[in-house]
Amino acid sequence: MPVLDVLDITRAKVGQVEVSAGIFEAEVKRHLLHEVVRMQLASRRAGTHDTKTRAEVSGGGRKPWRQKGTGRARAGSIRSPLWRGGGIIFGPHPRDHGFSVPKKVRRAALRVALTQKLQEGRLLVVRDLRVPDGKTKGFVAVMRGLGVSNGLVVTAAPDTALERAARNVPRVKVLRAEGLNVYDVLRHEHLVLTEPSLEQIQGALEP
């Protein structure tokens, strides 16, 4: 089984922890990452784009000119899609862009993302991650001590003080273990796990 170093907030080694090979030594299948990230981004789309058809554009009730005898092409409405200011043919309308992938695929993709972070040397396990005063300045100091400027911090239990302290720090996000997802793991350079959150993640992703 792989063994990871457990660090304190100064990045000094304070212990070791064994982790599951099925989670942190998974075969890297990039197509799984691609599929799950596409799913996540699609579900975040608002889908509120809308265009008007010829039935929805105002005006155009009167026939512009008589059907025959003018020498011009016949026209029934100035709101025809062929006219400037007319309706739109096959334009977008509000819809849900989301789609789903099997739970097994989502879990496999998350294992691949965790394996990749470990292989890159960008996965840190910390014994405890607390900001005593709950201030942003204190949180920035902790991140600087860990050598992390762009990272995803994962906690096991809700920590309002930590979440509040990190709220205004760019390129850093605090997430609870149950909300861990492929997109956030990939878009941040480092992944920082607390020991309790590591246990929680392993319990949820054990193959």
C-alpha atoms as a PDB file:
ATOM      1  CA  MET A   1       0.000   0.000   0.000  1.00  0.00           C
ATOM      2  CA  PRO A   2       1.261   3.536  -0.713  1.00  0.00           C
ATOM      3  CA  VAL A   3       2.471   5.503   2.304  1.00  0.00           C
ATOM      4  CA  LEU A   4       2.041   9.278   2.479  1.00  0.00           C
ATOM      5  CA  ASP A   5       3.798  11.722   4.782  1.00  0.00           C
ATOM      6  CA  VAL A   6       1.614  13.625   7.225  1.00  0.00           C
ATOM      7  CA  LEU A   7       2.672  17.254   7.595  1.00  0.00           C
ATOM      8  CA  ASP A   8       2.042  20.107   9.984  1.00  0.00           C
ATOM      9  CA  ILE A   9       1.253  23.649   8.833  1.00  0.00           C
ATOM     10  CA  THR A  10       4.974  24.406   8.424  1.00  0.00           C
ATOM     11  CA  ARG A  11       5.306  21.417   6.055  1.00  0.00           C
ATOM     12  CA  ALA A  12       7.372  19.506   8.602  1.00  0.00           C
ATOM     13  CA  LYS A  13       6.816  15.726   8.644  1.00  0.00           C
ATOM     14  CA  VAL A  14       4.951  14.596  11.764  1.00  0.00           C
ATOM     15  CA  GLY A  15       3.921  11.088  10.745  1.00  0.00           C
ATOM     16  CA  GLN A  16       2.883   8.729   7.981  1.00  0.00           C
ATOM     17  CA  VAL A  17      -0.369   7.203   6.806  1.00  0.00           C
ATOM     18  CA  GLU A  18      -1.116   4.213   4.612  1.00  0.00           C
ATOM     19  CA  VAL A  19      -3.563   4.812   1.784  1.00  0.00           C
ATOM     20  CA  SER A  20      -5.479   2.511  -0.513  1.00  0.00           C
ATOM     21  CA  ALA A  21      -3.685   1.442  -3.692  1.00  0.00           C
ATOM     22  CA  GLY A  22      -7.061   1.152  -5.416  1.00  0.00           C
ATOM     23  CA  ILE A  23      -7.622   4.895  -4.942  1.00  0.00           C
ATOM     24  CA  PHE A  24      -4.153   6.422  -5.133  1.00  0.00           C
ATOM     25  CA  GLU A  25      -2.558   4.017  -7.628  1.00  0.00           C
ATOM     26  CA  ALA A  26      -5.425   3.773 -10.098  1.00  0.00           C
ATOM     27  CA  GLU A  27      -4.803   3.417 -13.820  1.00  0.00           C
ATOM     28  CA  VAL A  28      -4.843   6.906 -15.332  1.00  0.00           C
ATOM     29  CA  LYS A  29      -7.653   6.983 -17.897  1.00  0.00           C
ATOM     30  CA  ARG A  30      -7.905  10.532 -19.180  1.00  0.00           C
ATOM     31  CA  HIS A  31     -11.136   9.932 -21.064  1.00  0.00           C
ATOM     32  CA  LEU A  32     -12.880   9.451 -17.703  1.00  0.00           C
ATOM     33  CA  LEU A  33     -11.638  12.848 -16.536  1.00  0.00           C
ATOM     34  CA  HIS A  34     -12.813  14.439 -19.778  1.00  0.00           C
ATOM     35  CA  GLU A  35     -16.285  12.915 -19.559  1.00  0.00           C
ATOM     36  CA  VAL A  36     -16.886  13.855 -15.929  1.00  0.00           C
ATOM     37  CA  VAL A  37     -15.549  17.417 -16.306  1.00  0.00           C
ATOM     38  CA  ARG A  38     -17.812  17.899 -19.336  1.00  0.00           C
ATOM     39  CA  MET A  39     -20.753  16.715 -17.246  1.00  0.00           C
ATOM     40  CA  GLN A  40     -19.926  19.098 -14.396  1.00  0.00           C
ATOM     41  CA  LEU A  41     -19.476  22.124 -16.642  1.00  0.00           C
ATOM     42  CA  ALA A  42     -22.622  21.339 -18.635  1.00  0.00           C
ATOM     43  CA  SER A  43     -24.708  21.169 -15.462  1.00  0.00           C
ATOM     44  CA  ARG A  44     -23.439  24.630 -14.450  1.00  0.00           C
ATOM     45  CA  ARG A  45     -24.695  26.276 -17.646  1.00  0.00           C
ATOM     46  CA  ALA A  46     -27.660  28.560 -17.077  1.00  0.00           C
ATOM     47  CA  GLY A  47     -29.350  27.596 -20.332  1.00  0.00           C
ATOM     48  CA  THR A  48     -31.296  30.878 -20.383  1.00  0.00           C
ATOM     49  CA  HIS A  49     -30.337  31.919 -23.937  1.00  0.00           C
ATOM     50  CA  ASP A  50     -33.411  32.603 -26.029  1.00  0.00           C
ATOM     51  CA  THR A  51     -34.358  33.884 -29.479  1.00  0.00           C
ATOM     52  CA  LYS A  52     -37.756  34.822 -30.861  1.00  0.00           C
ATOM     53  CA  THR A  53     -39.486  32.940 -33.630  1.00  0.00           C
ATOM     54  CA  ARG A  54     -41.652  34.739 -36.202  1.00  0.00           C
ATOM     55  CA  ALA A  55     -44.642  34.085 -33.950  1.00  0.00           C
ATOM     56  CA  GLU A  56     -42.992  35.902 -31.027  1.00  0.00           C
ATOM     57  CA  VAL A  57     -41.601  39.000 -32.759  1.00  0.00           C
ATOM     58  CA  SER A  58     -43.931  41.975 -32.383  1.00  0.00           C
ATOM     59  CA  GLY A  59     -45.586  43.470 -35.476  1.00  0.00           C
ATOM     60  CA  GLY A  60     -46.050  41.967 -38.886  1.00  0.00           C
ATOM     61  CA  GLY A  61     -49.788  41.498 -38.719  1.00  0.00           C
ATOM     62  CA  ARG A  62     -50.491  43.202 -42.034  1.00  0.00           C
ATOM     63  CA  LYS A  63     -49.457  41.784 -45.375  1.00  0.00           C
ATOM     64  CA  PRO A  64     -46.769  44.192 -46.733  1.00  0.00           C
ATOM     65  CA  TRP A  65     -48.154  44.279 -50.286  1.00  0.00           C
ATOM     66  CA  ARG A  66     -50.651  42.443 -52.390  1.00  0.00           C
ATOM     67  CA  GLN A  67     -49.846  38.930 -53.501  1.00  0.00           C
ATOM     68  CA  LYS A  68     -49.671  39.526 -57.238  1.00  0.00           C
ATOM     69  CA  GLY A  69     -49.003  42.247 -59.722  1.00  0.00           C
ATOM     70  CA  THR A  70     -46.187  44.186 -58.020  1.00  0.00           C
ATOM     71  CA  GLY A  71     -43.256  42.394 -59.646  1.00  0.00           C
ATOM     72  CA  ARG A  72     -41.789  41.660 -56.253  1.00  0.00           C
ATOM     73  CA  ALA A  73     -41.583  38.352 -54.427  1.00  0.00           C
ATOM     74  CA  ARG A  74     -44.683  37.485 -52.456  1.00  0.00           C
ATOM     75  CA  ALA A  75     -44.499  38.375 -48.740  1.00  0.00           C
ATOM     76  CA  GLY A  76     -46.939  37.664 -45.951  1.00  0.00           C
ATOM     77  CA  SER A  77     -45.263  39.398 -42.996  1.00  0.00           C
ATOM     78  CA  ILE A  78     -42.462  41.851 -42.319  1.00  0.00           C
ATOM     79  CA  ARG A  79     -41.452  39.553 -39.416  1.00  0.00           C
ATOM     80  CA  SER A  80     -40.538  36.665 -41.710  1.00  0.00           C
ATOM     81  CA  PRO A  81     -37.125  35.142 -40.872  1.00  0.00           C
ATOM     82  CA  LEU A  82     -36.031  36.268 -44.339  1.00  0.00           C
ATOM     83  CA  TRP A  83     -36.467  39.912 -43.374  1.00  0.00           C
ATOM     84  CA  ARG A  84     -34.246  42.140 -41.249  1.00  0.00           C
ATOM     85  CA  GLY A  85     -35.833  42.353 -37.810  1.00  0.00           C
ATOM     86  CA  GLY A  86     -37.758  39.143 -38.370  1.00  0.00           C
ATOM     87  CA  GLY A  87     -37.834  35.948 -36.354  1.00  0.00           C
ATOM     88  CA  ILE A  88     -34.932  33.513 -35.989  1.00  0.00           C
ATOM     89  CA  ILE A  89     -35.019  30.065 -37.577  1.00  0.00           C
ATOM     90  CA  PHE A  90     -33.864  27.220 -35.304  1.00  0.00           C
ATOM     91  CA  GLY A  91     -32.433  29.650 -32.731  1.00  0.00           C
ATOM     92  CA  PRO A  92     -31.610  28.635 -29.148  1.00  0.00           C
ATOM     93  CA  HIS A  93     -34.326  28.457 -26.493  1.00  0.00           C
ATOM     94  CA  PRO A  94     -34.098  27.898 -22.731  1.00  0.00           C
ATOM     95  CA  ARG A  95     -33.094  24.335 -21.938  1.00  0.00           C
ATOM     96  CA  ASP A  96     -31.161  22.220 -19.498  1.00  0.00           C
ATOM     97  CA  HIS A  97     -27.706  21.390 -20.842  1.00  0.00           C
ATOM     98  CA  GLY A  98     -26.973  18.894 -18.090  1.00  0.00           C
ATOM     99  CA  PHE A  99     -26.448  15.192 -18.616  1.00  0.00           C
ATOM    100  CA  SER A 100     -25.465  12.423 -16.262  1.00  0.00           C
ATOM    101  CA  VAL A 101     -22.811   9.737 -16.233  1.00  0.00           C
ATOM    102  CA  PRO A 102     -22.962   6.564 -14.140  1.00  0.00           C
ATOM    103  CA  LYS A 103     -21.946   6.835 -10.504  1.00  0.00           C
ATOM    104  CA  LYS A 104     -19.292   4.169 -11.108  1.00  0.00           C
ATOM    105  CA  VAL A 105     -17.687   6.370 -13.782  1.00  0.00           C
ATOM    106  CA  ARG A 106     -17.719   9.462 -11.529  1.00  0.00           C
ATOM    107  CA  ARG A 107     -16.020   7.563  -8.714  1.00  0.00           C
ATOM    108  CA  ALA A 108     -13.456   6.036 -11.099  1.00  0.00           C
ATOM    109  CA  ALA A 109     -12.665   9.506 -12.501  1.00  0.00           C
ATOM    110  CA  LEU A 110     -12.136  10.885  -8.986  1.00  0.00           C
ATOM    111  CA  ARG A 111      -9.722   8.043  -8.224  1.00  0.00           C
ATOM    112  CA  VAL A 112      -7.821   8.884 -11.417  1.00  0.00           C
ATOM    113  CA  ALA A 113      -7.666  12.578 -10.434  1.00  0.00           C
ATOM    114  CA  LEU A 114      -6.317  11.720  -6.952  1.00  0.00           C
ATOM    115  CA  THR A 115      -3.753   9.312  -8.430  1.00  0.00           C
ATOM    116  CA  GLN A 116      -2.585  11.975 -10.853  1.00  0.00           C
ATOM    117  CA  LYS A 117      -2.132  14.556  -8.077  1.00  0.00           C
ATOM    118  CA  LEU A 118      -0.076  12.051  -6.058  1.00  0.00           C
ATOM    119  CA  GLN A 119       2.093  11.149  -9.066  1.00  0.00           C
ATOM    120  CA  GLU A 120       2.768  14.848  -9.692  1.00  0.00           C
ATOM    121  CA  GLY A 121       3.800  15.354  -6.048  1.00  0.00           C
ATOM    122  CA  ARG A 122       1.024  17.896  -5.525  1.00  0.00           C
ATOM    123  CA  LEU A 123      -0.994  16.054  -2.874  1.00  0.00           C
ATOM    124  CA  LEU A 124      -0.400  17.068   0.749  1.00  0.00           C
ATOM    125  CA  VAL A 125      -1.835  15.452   3.869  1.00  0.00           C
ATOM    126  CA  VAL A 126      -1.852  17.682   6.958  1.00  0.00           C
ATOM    127  CA  ARG A 127      -2.434  16.674  10.557  1.00  0.00           C
ATOM    128  CA  ASP A 128      -4.536  19.698  11.404  1.00  0.00           C
ATOM    129  CA  LEU A 129      -5.505  22.808   9.505  1.00  0.00           C
ATOM    130  CA  ARG A 130      -6.915  25.539  11.692  1.00  0.00           C
ATOM    131  CA  VAL A 131      -6.781  29.307  11.591  1.00  0.00           C
ATOM    132  CA  PRO A 132      -6.842  30.346  15.277  1.00  0.00           C
ATOM    133  CA  ASP A 133      -8.147  33.867  14.749  1.00  0.00           C
ATOM    134  CA  GLY A 134     -10.319  32.986  11.737  1.00  0.00           C
ATOM    135  CA  LYS A 135      -8.720  35.819   9.754  1.00  0.00           C
ATOM    136  CA  THR A 136      -7.747  35.795   6.089  1.00  0.00           C
ATOM    137  CA  LYS A 137      -4.241  36.963   7.026  1.00  0.00           C
ATOM    138  CA  GLY A 138      -3.785  33.878   9.224  1.00  0.00           C
ATOM    139  CA  PHE A 139      -5.033  31.560   6.487  1.00  0.00           C
ATOM    140  CA  VAL A 140      -2.652  33.106   3.936  1.00  0.00           C
ATOM    141  CA  ALA A 141       0.223  32.541   6.378  1.00  0.00           C
ATOM    142  CA  VAL A 142      -0.763  28.870   6.744  1.00  0.00           C
ATOM    143  CA  MET A 143      -0.899  28.408   2.955  1.00  0.00           C
ATOM    144  CA  ARG A 144       2.486  30.123   2.612  1.00  0.00           C
ATOM    145  CA  GLY A 145       3.933  27.746   5.221  1.00  0.00           C
ATOM    146  CA  LEU A 146       2.660  24.790   3.199  1.00  0.00           C
ATOM    147  CA  GLY A 147       4.051  26.267  -0.014  1.00  0.00           C
ATOM    148  CA  VAL A 148       0.615  26.432  -1.618  1.00  0.00           C
ATOM    149  CA  SER A 149      -0.541  29.432  -3.634  1.00  0.00           C
ATOM    150  CA  ASN A 150      -3.100  27.644  -5.793  1.00  0.00           C
ATOM    151  CA  GLY A 151      -4.835  24.815  -4.008  1.00  0.00           C
ATOM    152  CA  LEU A 152      -7.958  22.943  -3.011  1.00  0.00           C
ATOM    153  CA  VAL A 153      -8.241  22.390   0.752  1.00  0.00           C
ATOM    154  CA  VAL A 154     -10.466  19.490   1.804  1.00  0.00           C
ATOM    155  CA  THR A 155     -11.849  19.169   5.342  1.00  0.00           C
ATOM    156  CA  ALA A 156     -13.872  16.377   6.905  1.00  0.00           C
ATOM    157  CA  ALA A 157     -16.285  18.423   9.000  1.00  0.00           C
ATOM    158  CA  PRO A 158     -17.781  21.877   8.468  1.00  0.00           C
ATOM    159  CA  ASP A 159     -15.293  24.537   9.563  1.00  0.00           C
ATOM    160  CA  THR A 160     -16.986  27.919   9.284  1.00  0.00           C
ATOM    161  CA  ALA A 161     -13.936  29.856  10.481  1.00  0.00           C
ATOM    162  CA  LEU A 162     -11.642  28.237   7.921  1.00  0.00           C
ATOM    163  CA  GLU A 163     -14.145  28.659   5.081  1.00  0.00           C
ATOM    164  CA  ARG A 164     -14.644  32.326   5.976  1.00  0.00           C
ATOM    165  CA  ALA A 165     -10.907  32.981   6.224  1.00  0.00           C
ATOM    166  CA  ALA A 166     -10.321  31.457   2.766  1.00  0.00           C
ATOM    167  CA  ARG A 167     -13.280  33.107   1.065  1.00  0.00           C
ATOM    168  CA  ASN A 168     -11.378  36.109  -0.331  1.00  0.00           C
ATOM    169  CA  VAL A 169      -8.114  34.328  -1.154  1.00  0.00           C
ATOM    170  CA  PRO A 170      -7.703  33.987  -4.946  1.00  0.00           C
ATOM    171  CA  ARG A 171      -6.959  30.550  -6.439  1.00  0.00           C
ATOM    172  CA  VAL A 172      -7.696  28.784  -3.139  1.00  0.00           C
ATOM    173  CA  LYS A 173     -10.897  26.936  -2.300  1.00  0.00           C
ATOM    174  CA  VAL A 174     -12.015  25.129   0.872  1.00  0.00           C
ATOM    175  CA  LEU A 175     -14.277  22.147   0.256  1.00  0.00           C
ATOM    176  CA  ARG A 176     -15.814  19.480   2.461  1.00  0.00           C
ATOM    177  CA  ALA A 177     -14.932  15.861   1.721  1.00  0.00           C
ATOM    178  CA  GLU A 178     -18.446  14.922   0.622  1.00  0.00           C
ATOM    179  CA  GLY A 179     -18.275  17.634  -2.057  1.00  0.00           C
ATOM    180  CA  LEU A 180     -14.931  16.546  -3.535  1.00  0.00           C
ATOM    181  CA  ASN A 181     -15.177  16.492  -7.325  1.00  0.00           C
ATOM    182  CA  VAL A 182     -12.994  15.949 -10.372  1.00  0.00           C
ATOM    183  CA  TYR A 183     -13.251  19.481 -11.775  1.00  0.00           C
ATOM    184  CA  ASP A 184     -12.068  21.215  -8.585  1.00  0.00           C
ATOM    185  CA  VAL A 185      -9.227  18.707  -8.105  1.00  0.00           C
ATOM    186  CA  LEU A 186      -7.954  19.303 -11.645  1.00  0.00           C
ATOM    187  CA  ARG A 187      -8.324  23.078 -11.768  1.00  0.00           C
ATOM    188  CA  HIS A 188      -6.219  23.644  -8.622  1.00  0.00           C
ATOM    189  CA  GLU A 189      -2.483  23.069  -8.625  1.00  0.00           C
ATOM    190  CA  HIS A 190      -2.268  21.462  -5.166  1.00  0.00           C
ATOM    191  CA  LEU A 191      -4.648  19.235  -3.232  1.00  0.00           C
ATOM    192  CA  VAL A 192      -4.436  19.617   0.553  1.00  0.00           C
ATOM    193  CA  LEU A 193      -6.237  16.937   2.584  1.00  0.00           C
ATOM    194  CA  THR A 194      -6.650  16.856   6.339  1.00  0.00           C
ATOM    195  CA  GLU A 195      -6.153  13.429   7.923  1.00  0.00           C
ATOM    196  CA  PRO A 196      -9.863  13.002   8.808  1.00  0.00           C
ATOM    197  CA  SER A 197     -10.918  14.007   5.282  1.00  0.00           C
ATOM    198  CA  LEU A 198      -8.484  11.446   3.817  1.00  0.00           C
ATOM    199  CA  GLU A 199     -10.194   8.696   5.838  1.00  0.00           C
ATOM    200  CA  GLN A 200     -13.597   9.927   4.675  1.00  0.00           C
ATOM    201  CA  ILE A 201     -12.542   9.986   1.009  1.00  0.00           C
ATOM    202  CA  GLN A 202     -11.080   6.492   1.196  1.00  0.00           C
ATOM    203  CA  GLY A 203     -14.255   5.162   2.788  1.00  0.00           C
ATOM    204  CA  ALA A 204     -16.356   6.644  -0.021  1.00  0.00           C
ATOM    205  CA  LEU A 205     -14.112   5.640  -2.958  1.00  0.00           C
ATOM    206  CA  GLU A 206     -12.874   2.221  -1.927  1.00  0.00           C
ATOM    207  CA  PRO A 207     -13.282   0.020  -5.054  1.00  0.00           C
END
